[in-house]
Amino acid sequence: MTAVVDELLVSTAEVEIQANGKPPAVTIVAYAANLAPSHGRYIGASSRPMAEYDRRPGERVGNHWRMPAVQGGRQVRHVSFDTNFYKSFVHARLAVALGDPSSLSLFGTSQEQHRMFAEHLTAEYRVPTEGRGRKVDEWKLRPGQDNHYFDCLVGCAVAASMLGAALDNIAMPYKPKKRVSLAAMQREAFRRQGLR
């Protein structure tokens, strides 16, 4: 499926729309089944992390994000994510040497092409904070600065995680269950009993 977003035709394998507070930053001309509003949640050191939230039936849960099951006809499917985690994650990827595993790089070499993007990525600063036995970088916006492209890049990282992208060196807050077929379970049970 495709949707028209800011006059561009984009694939909607997984598309997010920033939905906190204001109208979406993009104009949606065509609706697609995989279009979902996203809500960044400020989860500080003294807050309960998403990994400790109760998991409900039908809910999708990933690396510091969750998509609740839709119940009723008026509820909208959406994703909530930990903004502090993903802002630290994106900045950590930018700090990795170019070409090394897990690095995030921009195309080209012209500083002028990426000046505004860089300004948005540096519009916030991290404040290392401790609370409830956790250490978290809490992100604060510098007064008078725009951070929209930073928020968009963070949303891209969340969408990539939702599509299964992961780094081996990043610990998941939970262990995803491996799907096993009934036939595989029966073979394993027979093997343990020495029947096969």
C-alpha atoms as a PDB file:
ATOM      1  CA  MET A   1       0.000   0.000   0.000  1.00  0.00           C
ATOM      2  CA  THR A   2       1.061   3.596  -0.446  1.00  0.00           C
ATOM      3  CA  ALA A   3       0.039   6.924   1.025  1.00  0.00           C
ATOM      4  CA  VAL A   4       0.652  10.497  -0.026  1.00  0.00           C
ATOM      5  CA  VAL A   5       2.562  12.284   2.732  1.00  0.00           C
ATOM      6  CA  ASP A   6       3.637  15.911   2.203  1.00  0.00           C
ATOM      7  CA  GLU A   7       3.128  15.397  -1.543  1.00  0.00           C
ATOM      8  CA  LEU A   8       5.455  12.362  -1.602  1.00  0.00           C
ATOM      9  CA  LEU A   9       4.336   8.840  -2.391  1.00  0.00           C
ATOM     10  CA  VAL A  10       5.618   6.541   0.353  1.00  0.00           C
ATOM     11  CA  SER A  11       5.327   2.852   1.118  1.00  0.00           C
ATOM     12  CA  THR A  12       3.265   2.125   4.189  1.00  0.00           C
ATOM     13  CA  ALA A  13       4.882  -1.054   5.439  1.00  0.00           C
ATOM     14  CA  GLU A  14       4.960   0.804   8.748  1.00  0.00           C
ATOM     15  CA  VAL A  15       4.270   4.531   8.921  1.00  0.00           C
ATOM     16  CA  GLU A  16       3.998   6.597  12.066  1.00  0.00           C
ATOM     17  CA  ILE A  17       2.518  10.029  12.556  1.00  0.00           C
ATOM     18  CA  GLN A  18       3.640  12.105  15.508  1.00  0.00           C
ATOM     19  CA  ALA A  19       0.359  12.671  17.313  1.00  0.00           C
ATOM     20  CA  ASN A  20       1.217  14.421  20.590  1.00  0.00           C
ATOM     21  CA  GLY A  21      -0.594  17.664  21.282  1.00  0.00           C
ATOM     22  CA  LYS A  22      -0.730  19.255  17.843  1.00  0.00           C
ATOM     23  CA  PRO A  23      -2.179  18.222  14.501  1.00  0.00           C
ATOM     24  CA  PRO A  24       0.104  15.782  12.704  1.00  0.00           C
ATOM     25  CA  ALA A  25       3.151  17.366  11.087  1.00  0.00           C
ATOM     26  CA  VAL A  26       2.178  15.732   7.789  1.00  0.00           C
ATOM     27  CA  THR A  27      -0.998  15.847   5.762  1.00  0.00           C
ATOM     28  CA  ILE A  28      -2.447  12.433   5.127  1.00  0.00           C
ATOM     29  CA  VAL A  29      -4.178  12.306   1.772  1.00  0.00           C
ATOM     30  CA  ALA A  30      -4.772   8.562   1.591  1.00  0.00           C
ATOM     31  CA  TYR A  31      -5.371   6.218   4.502  1.00  0.00           C
ATOM     32  CA  ALA A  32      -3.484   2.923   4.684  1.00  0.00           C
ATOM     33  CA  ALA A  33      -4.025  -0.063   6.966  1.00  0.00           C
ATOM     34  CA  ASN A  34      -0.504   0.206   8.424  1.00  0.00           C
ATOM     35  CA  LEU A  35      -0.717   3.888   9.299  1.00  0.00           C
ATOM     36  CA  ALA A  36      -0.558   4.458  13.042  1.00  0.00           C
ATOM     37  CA  PRO A  37      -0.237   7.550  15.231  1.00  0.00           C
ATOM     38  CA  SER A  38       2.755   7.469  17.568  1.00  0.00           C
ATOM     39  CA  HIS A  39       2.942   8.953  21.033  1.00  0.00           C
ATOM     40  CA  GLY A  40       6.344   9.596  22.564  1.00  0.00           C
ATOM     41  CA  ARG A  41       6.216   9.137  26.331  1.00  0.00           C
ATOM     42  CA  TYR A  42       8.656  10.900  28.637  1.00  0.00           C
ATOM     43  CA  ILE A  43       9.835   8.085  30.887  1.00  0.00           C
ATOM     44  CA  GLY A  44      12.381   9.476  33.314  1.00  0.00           C
ATOM     45  CA  ALA A  45      14.559   7.747  35.869  1.00  0.00           C
ATOM     46  CA  SER A  46      11.856   7.995  38.559  1.00  0.00           C
ATOM     47  CA  SER A  47       9.146   6.665  36.200  1.00  0.00           C
ATOM     48  CA  ARG A  48       8.204   3.025  35.773  1.00  0.00           C
ATOM     49  CA  PRO A  49       9.894   1.703  32.586  1.00  0.00           C
ATOM     50  CA  MET A  50       7.727   0.291  29.781  1.00  0.00           C
ATOM     51  CA  ALA A  51       9.192  -3.184  30.351  1.00  0.00           C
ATOM     52  CA  GLU A  52       7.379  -3.229  33.733  1.00  0.00           C
ATOM     53  CA  TYR A  53       3.964  -2.343  32.277  1.00  0.00           C
ATOM     54  CA  ASP A  54       1.357  -5.104  32.421  1.00  0.00           C
ATOM     55  CA  ARG A  55       1.065  -6.876  29.087  1.00  0.00           C
ATOM     56  CA  ARG A  56      -2.496  -7.276  27.860  1.00  0.00           C
ATOM     57  CA  PRO A  57      -3.859  -9.813  25.360  1.00  0.00           C
ATOM     58  CA  GLY A  58      -3.406  -8.720  21.751  1.00  0.00           C
ATOM     59  CA  GLU A  59      -0.841  -6.052  22.597  1.00  0.00           C
ATOM     60  CA  ARG A  60       2.375  -5.823  20.532  1.00  0.00           C
ATOM     61  CA  VAL A  61       5.420  -5.100  22.681  1.00  0.00           C
ATOM     62  CA  GLY A  62       8.948  -4.367  21.513  1.00  0.00           C
ATOM     63  CA  ASN A  63      12.172  -2.656  22.507  1.00  0.00           C
ATOM     64  CA  HIS A  64      10.839   0.280  24.575  1.00  0.00           C
ATOM     65  CA  TRP A  65       7.609   0.544  22.541  1.00  0.00           C
ATOM     66  CA  ARG A  66       4.145  -0.970  22.758  1.00  0.00           C
ATOM     67  CA  MET A  67       1.047  -1.040  20.585  1.00  0.00           C
ATOM     68  CA  PRO A  68      -2.116  -1.734  22.590  1.00  0.00           C
ATOM     69  CA  ALA A  69      -4.830  -3.941  21.152  1.00  0.00           C
ATOM     70  CA  VAL A  70      -7.760  -2.010  19.726  1.00  0.00           C
ATOM     71  CA  GLN A  71     -10.920  -2.573  21.731  1.00  0.00           C
ATOM     72  CA  GLY A  72     -14.142  -1.132  20.418  1.00  0.00           C
ATOM     73  CA  GLY A  73     -14.941   0.671  17.207  1.00  0.00           C
ATOM     74  CA  ARG A  74     -13.832   4.172  18.223  1.00  0.00           C
ATOM     75  CA  GLN A  75     -10.342   3.412  19.491  1.00  0.00           C
ATOM     76  CA  VAL A  76      -7.412   4.077  17.159  1.00  0.00           C
ATOM     77  CA  ARG A  77      -4.482   1.666  16.853  1.00  0.00           C
ATOM     78  CA  HIS A  78      -1.350   3.569  17.933  1.00  0.00           C
ATOM     79  CA  VAL A  79       2.162   3.047  19.244  1.00  0.00           C
ATOM     80  CA  SER A  80       3.640   4.518  22.427  1.00  0.00           C
ATOM     81  CA  PHE A  81       7.396   4.650  22.935  1.00  0.00           C
ATOM     82  CA  ASP A  82       9.998   5.815  25.454  1.00  0.00           C
ATOM     83  CA  THR A  83      11.368   9.074  24.008  1.00  0.00           C
ATOM     84  CA  ASN A  84      14.346   9.233  26.372  1.00  0.00           C
ATOM     85  CA  PHE A  85      15.489   5.750  25.372  1.00  0.00           C
ATOM     86  CA  TYR A  86      15.162   6.365  21.631  1.00  0.00           C
ATOM     87  CA  LYS A  87      16.792   9.813  21.720  1.00  0.00           C
ATOM     88  CA  SER A  88      19.778   8.290  23.527  1.00  0.00           C
ATOM     89  CA  PHE A  89      19.732   5.370  21.070  1.00  0.00           C
ATOM     90  CA  VAL A  90      19.827   7.672  18.011  1.00  0.00           C
ATOM     91  CA  HIS A  91      22.611   9.840  19.450  1.00  0.00           C
ATOM     92  CA  ALA A  92      24.607   6.705  20.337  1.00  0.00           C
ATOM     93  CA  ARG A  93      24.274   5.511  16.715  1.00  0.00           C
ATOM     94  CA  LEU A  94      25.512   8.899  15.438  1.00  0.00           C
ATOM     95  CA  ALA A  95      28.539   8.689  17.771  1.00  0.00           C
ATOM     96  CA  VAL A  96      29.687   5.336  16.321  1.00  0.00           C
ATOM     97  CA  ALA A  97      32.563   5.653  13.835  1.00  0.00           C
ATOM     98  CA  LEU A  98      31.435   5.859  10.223  1.00  0.00           C
ATOM     99  CA  GLY A  99      31.215   2.389   8.674  1.00  0.00           C
ATOM    100  CA  ASP A 100      31.375   0.508  11.978  1.00  0.00           C
ATOM    101  CA  PRO A 101      28.522  -1.841  12.906  1.00  0.00           C
ATOM    102  CA  SER A 102      25.482   0.000  14.331  1.00  0.00           C
ATOM    103  CA  SER A 103      26.579   3.404  13.004  1.00  0.00           C
ATOM    104  CA  LEU A 104      24.093   5.886  11.582  1.00  0.00           C
ATOM    105  CA  SER A 105      25.357   8.132   8.823  1.00  0.00           C
ATOM    106  CA  LEU A 106      23.986  10.705   6.405  1.00  0.00           C
ATOM    107  CA  PHE A 107      24.510  10.721   2.656  1.00  0.00           C
ATOM    108  CA  GLY A 108      27.142  12.948   1.000  1.00  0.00           C
ATOM    109  CA  THR A 109      29.915  15.045   2.503  1.00  0.00           C
ATOM    110  CA  SER A 110      28.560  18.597   2.172  1.00  0.00           C
ATOM    111  CA  GLN A 111      28.117  20.233   5.561  1.00  0.00           C
ATOM    112  CA  GLU A 112      25.747  22.785   4.067  1.00  0.00           C
ATOM    113  CA  GLN A 113      23.310  20.062   2.927  1.00  0.00           C
ATOM    114  CA  HIS A 114      22.890  18.817   6.493  1.00  0.00           C
ATOM    115  CA  ARG A 115      23.229  22.026   8.532  1.00  0.00           C
ATOM    116  CA  MET A 116      19.532  22.367   9.479  1.00  0.00           C
ATOM    117  CA  PHE A 117      19.265  18.624  10.173  1.00  0.00           C
ATOM    118  CA  ALA A 118      22.290  18.853  12.490  1.00  0.00           C
ATOM    119  CA  GLU A 119      20.771  21.877  14.250  1.00  0.00           C
ATOM    120  CA  HIS A 120      17.601  19.879  14.946  1.00  0.00           C
ATOM    121  CA  LEU A 121      19.645  16.890  16.218  1.00  0.00           C
ATOM    122  CA  THR A 122      21.487  19.162  18.652  1.00  0.00           C
ATOM    123  CA  ALA A 123      18.397  21.156  19.749  1.00  0.00           C
ATOM    124  CA  GLU A 124      18.123  18.943  22.823  1.00  0.00           C
ATOM    125  CA  TYR A 125      20.672  17.986  25.444  1.00  0.00           C
ATOM    126  CA  ARG A 126      20.863  14.973  27.718  1.00  0.00           C
ATOM    127  CA  VAL A 127      20.797  15.173  31.496  1.00  0.00           C
ATOM    128  CA  PRO A 128      22.101  11.958  33.131  1.00  0.00           C
ATOM    129  CA  THR A 129      19.654  11.170  35.954  1.00  0.00           C
ATOM    130  CA  GLU A 130      19.312   8.436  38.586  1.00  0.00           C
ATOM    131  CA  GLY A 131      16.148   7.307  40.313  1.00  0.00           C
ATOM    132  CA  ARG A 132      14.532   4.093  41.543  1.00  0.00           C
ATOM    133  CA  GLY A 133      17.802   2.251  40.926  1.00  0.00           C
ATOM    134  CA  ARG A 134      17.903   3.233  37.230  1.00  0.00           C
ATOM    135  CA  LYS A 135      20.221   5.508  35.269  1.00  0.00           C
ATOM    136  CA  VAL A 136      18.499   7.324  32.399  1.00  0.00           C
ATOM    137  CA  ASP A 137      19.421  10.169  30.067  1.00  0.00           C
ATOM    138  CA  GLU A 138      16.553  12.648  30.275  1.00  0.00           C
ATOM    139  CA  TRP A 139      16.367  14.935  27.235  1.00  0.00           C
ATOM    140  CA  LYS A 140      15.622  18.663  27.473  1.00  0.00           C
ATOM    141  CA  LEU A 141      14.890  21.098  24.631  1.00  0.00           C
ATOM    142  CA  ARG A 142      17.117  24.151  24.371  1.00  0.00           C
ATOM    143  CA  PRO A 143      14.963  27.330  24.442  1.00  0.00           C
ATOM    144  CA  GLY A 144      14.086  28.688  21.008  1.00  0.00           C
ATOM    145  CA  GLN A 145      15.345  25.612  19.135  1.00  0.00           C
ATOM    146  CA  ASP A 146      13.488  23.394  16.651  1.00  0.00           C
ATOM    147  CA  ASN A 147      13.804  19.626  17.080  1.00  0.00           C
ATOM    148  CA  HIS A 148      11.295  18.338  14.510  1.00  0.00           C
ATOM    149  CA  TYR A 149      13.822  16.405  12.401  1.00  0.00           C
ATOM    150  CA  PHE A 150      15.248  14.857  15.578  1.00  0.00           C
ATOM    151  CA  ASP A 151      11.738  13.681  16.525  1.00  0.00           C
ATOM    152  CA  CYS A 152      11.281  12.300  12.986  1.00  0.00           C
ATOM    153  CA  LEU A 153      14.575  10.378  13.189  1.00  0.00           C
ATOM    154  CA  VAL A 154      13.545   8.982  16.579  1.00  0.00           C
ATOM    155  CA  GLY A 155      10.219   7.911  15.042  1.00  0.00           C
ATOM    156  CA  CYS A 156      12.115   6.171  12.234  1.00  0.00           C
ATOM    157  CA  ALA A 157      14.139   4.235  14.827  1.00  0.00           C
ATOM    158  CA  VAL A 158      10.908   3.156  16.548  1.00  0.00           C
ATOM    159  CA  ALA A 159       9.337   2.110  13.219  1.00  0.00           C
ATOM    160  CA  ALA A 160      12.486   0.136  12.325  1.00  0.00           C
ATOM    161  CA  SER A 161      12.257  -1.676  15.665  1.00  0.00           C
ATOM    162  CA  MET A 162       8.586  -2.433  15.008  1.00  0.00           C
ATOM    163  CA  LEU A 163       9.567  -3.996  11.685  1.00  0.00           C
ATOM    164  CA  GLY A 164      12.121  -6.246  13.399  1.00  0.00           C
ATOM    165  CA  ALA A 165      15.364  -4.272  13.032  1.00  0.00           C
ATOM    166  CA  ALA A 166      17.564  -4.815  16.078  1.00  0.00           C
ATOM    167  CA  LEU A 167      21.190  -4.532  17.147  1.00  0.00           C
ATOM    168  CA  ASP A 168      22.896  -7.497  18.766  1.00  0.00           C
ATOM    169  CA  ASN A 169      24.584  -5.324  21.416  1.00  0.00           C
ATOM    170  CA  ILE A 170      21.353  -3.644  22.603  1.00  0.00           C
ATOM    171  CA  ALA A 171      19.659  -5.526  25.422  1.00  0.00           C
ATOM    172  CA  MET A 172      15.944  -6.050  24.978  1.00  0.00           C
ATOM    173  CA  PRO A 173      13.860  -5.231  28.070  1.00  0.00           C
ATOM    174  CA  TYR A 174      12.148  -8.583  27.632  1.00  0.00           C
ATOM    175  CA  LYS A 175      12.851 -11.844  25.841  1.00  0.00           C
ATOM    176  CA  PRO A 176      10.576 -12.307  22.820  1.00  0.00           C
ATOM    177  CA  LYS A 177       9.028 -15.754  22.735  1.00  0.00           C
ATOM    178  CA  LYS A 178      10.147 -17.925  19.871  1.00  0.00           C
ATOM    179  CA  ARG A 179       7.215 -19.363  17.951  1.00  0.00           C
ATOM    180  CA  VAL A 180       7.200 -23.143  17.940  1.00  0.00           C
ATOM    181  CA  SER A 181       4.801 -25.290  15.944  1.00  0.00           C
ATOM    182  CA  LEU A 182       2.826 -28.062  17.577  1.00  0.00           C
ATOM    183  CA  ALA A 183       4.666 -30.616  15.413  1.00  0.00           C
ATOM    184  CA  ALA A 184       8.024 -29.308  16.677  1.00  0.00           C
ATOM    185  CA  MET A 185       6.839 -29.536  20.296  1.00  0.00           C
ATOM    186  CA  GLN A 186       5.717 -33.138  19.733  1.00  0.00           C
ATOM    187  CA  ARG A 187       9.049 -34.071  18.133  1.00  0.00           C
ATOM    188  CA  GLU A 188      10.921 -32.558  21.083  1.00  0.00           C
ATOM    189  CA  ALA A 189       8.703 -34.390  23.598  1.00  0.00           C
ATOM    190  CA  PHE A 190       9.251 -37.716  21.778  1.00  0.00           C
ATOM    191  CA  ARG A 191      13.003 -37.050  21.618  1.00  0.00           C
ATOM    192  CA  ARG A 192      13.162 -36.414  25.381  1.00  0.00           C
ATOM    193  CA  GLN A 193      11.209 -39.610  26.075  1.00  0.00           C
ATOM    194  CA  GLY A 194      13.502 -41.569  23.806  1.00  0.00           C
ATOM    195  CA  LEU A 195      10.707 -42.531  21.435  1.00  0.00           C
ATOM    196  CA  ARG A 196      12.417 -41.145  18.350  1.00  0.00           C
END
